[in-house]
N, C-alpha and C. Protein backbone atom coordinates (compact mmCIF):
# COMPACT_ATOMS: atom_id res chain seq x y z
N MET A 1 0.96 -1.27 0.04
CA MET A 1 0.15 -0.06 -0.09
C MET A 1 0.86 1.22 -0.06
N ASN A 2 0.59 2.24 -0.97
CA ASN A 2 1.37 3.36 -0.97
C ASN A 2 1.01 4.55 0.08
N GLN A 3 1.87 5.30 0.45
CA GLN A 3 1.60 6.49 1.28
C GLN A 3 1.87 7.64 0.67
N THR A 4 1.18 8.75 0.76
CA THR A 4 1.58 9.96 0.17
C THR A 4 1.91 10.88 1.37
N ILE A 5 3.13 11.50 1.05
CA ILE A 5 3.79 12.44 2.10
C ILE A 5 4.08 13.69 1.48
N ASN A 6 3.54 14.88 2.03
CA ASN A 6 3.67 16.21 1.49
C ASN A 6 5.29 16.55 1.35
N ILE A 7 5.87 17.16 0.41
CA ILE A 7 7.02 17.64 0.37
C ILE A 7 7.18 19.22 0.62
N PRO A 8 8.13 19.29 1.48
CA PRO A 8 8.22 20.89 2.01
C PRO A 8 8.43 21.75 0.74
N HIS A 9 7.76 22.93 0.79
CA HIS A 9 8.04 23.72 -0.38
C HIS A 9 9.26 24.52 -0.35
N VAL A 10 10.07 24.49 0.69
CA VAL A 10 11.38 25.13 0.73
C VAL A 10 12.35 24.66 -0.44
N TYR A 11 12.10 23.34 -0.75
CA TYR A 11 12.83 22.57 -1.78
C TYR A 11 12.88 23.22 -3.11
N ILE A 12 11.61 23.90 -3.44
CA ILE A 12 11.50 24.59 -4.64
C ILE A 12 12.52 25.70 -4.56
N SER A 13 12.63 26.56 -3.78
CA SER A 13 13.63 27.56 -3.65
C SER A 13 15.02 27.15 -3.69
N LEU A 14 15.27 26.09 -2.92
CA LEU A 14 16.59 25.64 -2.77
C LEU A 14 17.35 25.02 -3.93
N THR A 15 16.42 24.76 -4.97
CA THR A 15 16.91 24.22 -6.27
C THR A 15 16.73 25.07 -7.40
N GLU A 16 16.26 26.28 -7.17
CA GLU A 16 16.18 27.32 -8.20
C GLU A 16 17.41 27.77 -8.70
N GLY A 17 17.40 27.67 -10.13
CA GLY A 17 18.63 28.18 -10.83
C GLY A 17 19.60 27.22 -11.14
N TYR A 18 19.40 25.77 -10.60
CA TYR A 18 20.24 24.84 -11.06
C TYR A 18 19.94 24.27 -12.36
N GLN A 19 21.02 23.80 -13.07
CA GLN A 19 20.84 23.34 -14.54
C GLN A 19 19.92 21.88 -14.35
N ARG A 20 20.48 21.21 -13.45
CA ARG A 20 19.85 19.74 -13.36
C ARG A 20 19.10 19.84 -12.12
N ARG A 21 17.83 20.74 -12.04
CA ARG A 21 17.19 20.92 -11.12
C ARG A 21 16.26 19.84 -10.57
N GLY A 22 15.69 19.00 -11.56
CA GLY A 22 14.99 17.88 -11.27
C GLY A 22 15.73 16.82 -10.36
N GLU A 23 16.89 16.53 -10.98
CA GLU A 23 17.63 15.54 -10.02
C GLU A 23 18.05 16.06 -8.70
N LEU A 24 18.45 17.25 -8.49
CA LEU A 24 18.65 17.86 -7.36
C LEU A 24 17.59 17.83 -6.39
N PHE A 25 16.22 18.29 -6.90
CA PHE A 25 14.98 18.15 -6.24
C PHE A 25 14.81 16.73 -5.61
N LYS A 26 14.90 15.73 -6.44
CA LYS A 26 14.72 14.45 -6.09
C LYS A 26 15.65 13.99 -4.97
N LYS A 27 17.00 14.30 -5.11
CA LYS A 27 17.91 14.09 -3.98
C LYS A 27 17.54 14.75 -2.66
N TYR A 28 16.93 15.97 -2.76
CA TYR A 28 16.55 16.63 -1.51
C TYR A 28 15.42 15.91 -0.91
N VAL A 29 14.52 15.56 -1.84
CA VAL A 29 13.19 14.73 -1.32
C VAL A 29 13.67 13.34 -0.67
N GLU A 30 14.54 12.63 -1.40
CA GLU A 30 15.13 11.36 -0.82
C GLU A 30 15.71 11.43 0.46
N GLY A 31 16.50 12.70 0.67
CA GLY A 31 17.10 12.89 2.01
C GLY A 31 16.17 13.21 2.99
N TYR A 32 15.04 13.99 2.73
CA TYR A 32 14.05 14.38 3.62
C TYR A 32 13.40 13.18 4.12
N LEU A 33 13.14 12.15 3.20
CA LEU A 33 12.24 10.99 3.44
C LEU A 33 13.20 10.02 4.38
N SER A 34 14.39 9.87 3.98
CA SER A 34 15.43 9.16 4.88
C SER A 34 15.62 9.64 6.28
N LYS A 35 15.45 10.81 6.47
CA LYS A 35 15.47 11.33 7.73
C LYS A 35 14.33 11.40 8.74
N SER A 36 13.02 11.80 7.88
CA SER A 36 11.96 12.11 8.49
C SER A 36 10.95 10.83 8.36
N TYR A 37 11.19 9.92 7.44
CA TYR A 37 10.23 8.81 7.28
C TYR A 37 11.20 7.55 7.05
N PRO A 38 12.06 7.24 7.90
CA PRO A 38 12.87 6.00 7.57
C PRO A 38 12.37 4.81 6.99
N GLU A 39 11.15 4.50 7.52
CA GLU A 39 10.38 3.35 7.22
C GLU A 39 9.85 3.28 5.60
N PHE A 40 9.86 4.32 4.94
CA PHE A 40 9.38 4.56 3.66
C PHE A 40 10.49 4.69 2.53
N LYS A 41 10.32 4.34 1.36
CA LYS A 41 11.13 4.50 0.14
C LYS A 41 10.28 5.25 -0.74
N LEU A 42 10.97 6.08 -1.59
CA LEU A 42 10.24 6.95 -2.63
C LEU A 42 9.93 5.98 -3.75
N VAL A 43 8.75 6.16 -4.34
CA VAL A 43 8.32 5.44 -5.53
C VAL A 43 8.39 6.39 -6.66
N LYS A 44 7.60 7.73 -6.27
CA LYS A 44 7.79 8.72 -7.48
C LYS A 44 7.19 9.98 -6.68
N ILE A 45 7.47 11.00 -7.43
CA ILE A 45 7.02 12.32 -7.06
C ILE A 45 5.91 12.83 -8.03
N LYS A 46 4.80 13.48 -7.41
CA LYS A 46 3.63 13.82 -8.05
C LYS A 46 3.40 15.14 -7.52
N GLY A 47 3.56 16.16 -8.37
CA GLY A 47 3.56 17.54 -7.80
C GLY A 47 4.17 17.69 -6.56
N MET A 48 3.81 18.29 -5.44
CA MET A 48 4.56 18.28 -4.26
C MET A 48 4.23 17.33 -3.12
N LYS A 49 4.03 15.98 -3.78
CA LYS A 49 3.65 14.76 -2.92
C LYS A 49 4.67 13.88 -3.27
N ALA A 50 5.22 13.02 -2.23
CA ALA A 50 5.99 11.93 -2.56
C ALA A 50 5.19 10.68 -2.46
N ILE A 51 5.12 9.82 -3.31
CA ILE A 51 4.46 8.73 -3.15
C ILE A 51 5.47 7.60 -2.81
N CYS A 52 5.17 6.86 -1.65
CA CYS A 52 6.27 6.16 -1.01
C CYS A 52 5.54 4.78 -0.72
N GLU A 53 6.37 3.86 -0.45
CA GLU A 53 6.07 2.45 0.10
C GLU A 53 6.84 2.13 1.12
N ARG A 54 6.35 1.05 1.98
CA ARG A 54 7.14 0.62 3.07
C ARG A 54 8.20 -0.15 2.50
N LYS A 55 9.45 -0.01 3.45
CA LYS A 55 10.63 -0.85 2.81
C LYS A 55 10.39 -2.18 3.42
């Protein structure tokens, strides 16, 4: 069963101006999830929501 977790909006401004913004944004989201929700792994990002599943 998938879990939806809101992504903090601050990551939009942190990645602004980077050439490979999408990759950097994904790394920030993966880091956020590993620290805040270590029991979940990222499946995909949809808008400002991380779709995750249990490890």
